[in-house]
Protein backbone atom coordinates (compact mmCIF):
# COMPACT_ATOMS: atom_id res chain seq x y z
CA MET A 1 -0.02 0.09 0.15
CA LYS A 2 3.28 2.41 0.62
CA ASP A 3 4.47 2.15 -2.81
CA ILE A 4 0.76 2.82 -4.16
CA ILE A 5 0.26 5.67 -1.74
CA ALA A 6 4.14 7.11 -3.06
CA LYS A 7 2.88 7.34 -6.80
CA VAL A 8 -0.84 8.77 -6.66
CA GLY A 9 -1.63 9.63 -3.09
CA ARG A 10 -3.38 8.76 -0.21
CA GLU A 11 -6.83 9.42 -0.95
CA ARG A 12 -6.76 8.35 -4.32
CA ALA A 13 -4.73 5.00 -3.53
CA ILE A 14 -7.41 4.62 -0.67
CA ASP A 15 -10.24 4.84 -3.13
CA MET A 16 -8.67 2.90 -5.99
CA VAL A 17 -8.16 0.10 -3.58
CA MET A 18 -11.91 0.54 -2.26
CA GLN A 19 -12.86 0.24 -5.99
CA SER A 20 -10.87 -2.76 -7.42
CA TYR A 21 -12.30 -5.01 -3.63
CA ASN A 22 -15.68 -4.28 -4.86
CA THR A 23 -14.31 -5.39 -8.61
CA GLU A 24 -12.68 -8.67 -7.25
CA ILE A 25 -16.08 -9.66 -4.66
CA LEU A 26 -18.39 -8.65 -7.65
CA SER A 27 -16.66 -11.19 -9.71
CA THR A 28 -15.94 -13.56 -7.40
CA HIS A 29 -19.79 -13.85 -6.85
CA LEU A 30 -21.09 -13.74 -10.50
CA LYS A 31 -18.48 -16.44 -11.37
CA ARG A 32 -19.96 -18.81 -8.54
CA LEU A 33 -23.51 -17.82 -9.56
CA GLU A 34 -22.76 -18.73 -13.73
CA ASP A 35 -20.73 -21.71 -12.78
CA ARG A 36 -23.42 -22.83 -9.75
CA SER A 37 -24.18 -26.79 -10.59
CA PRO A 38 -24.87 -29.01 -8.12
CA GLY A 39 -21.39 -30.65 -8.52
CA ALA A 40 -19.79 -27.50 -8.22
CA LEU A 41 -20.54 -26.43 -4.59
CA GLY A 42 -17.27 -27.92 -3.02
CA ALA A 43 -15.21 -26.49 -5.75
CA TYR A 44 -15.31 -22.91 -4.40
CA LYS A 45 -12.12 -22.06 -2.98
CA ARG A 46 -11.81 -18.95 -0.38
CA ARG A 47 -9.35 -15.87 -1.99
CA ASP A 48 -8.40 -13.12 -0.35
CA HIS A 49 -10.05 -10.27 -1.92
CA LEU A 50 -8.60 -7.37 -0.39
CA ALA A 51 -4.58 -8.91 -1.18
CA ASP A 52 -6.05 -9.60 -5.24
CA ALA A 53 -7.15 -5.42 -5.15
CA LEU A 54 -3.78 -4.57 -3.71
CA GLU A 55 -2.40 -6.84 -6.05
CA ARG A 56 -4.09 -5.38 -8.72
CA VAL A 57 -3.79 -1.48 -8.35
CA ARG A 58 0.19 -2.11 -7.91
CA GLU A 59 0.20 -3.19 -11.30
CA VAL A 60 -1.84 -0.92 -12.91
CA CYS A 61 0.32 1.91 -10.85
CA ASP A 62 3.39 0.33 -11.91
CA LEU A 63 1.51 0.64 -15.70
CA ALA A 64 1.35 4.37 -15.23
């Protein structure tokens, strides 16, 4: 998070990570709804959405 803050500022970093976090949650839940079938119940793998969001934002900051 410190790297992101250094590149875009504190407020912008918080906003970017929050948006990315929401996207991670929505994409996970939509994927589960799309894949919903009787045999898929045990196939769900718990993810760390915040870590995924931070990684996604850091990658975007590195591109800029």
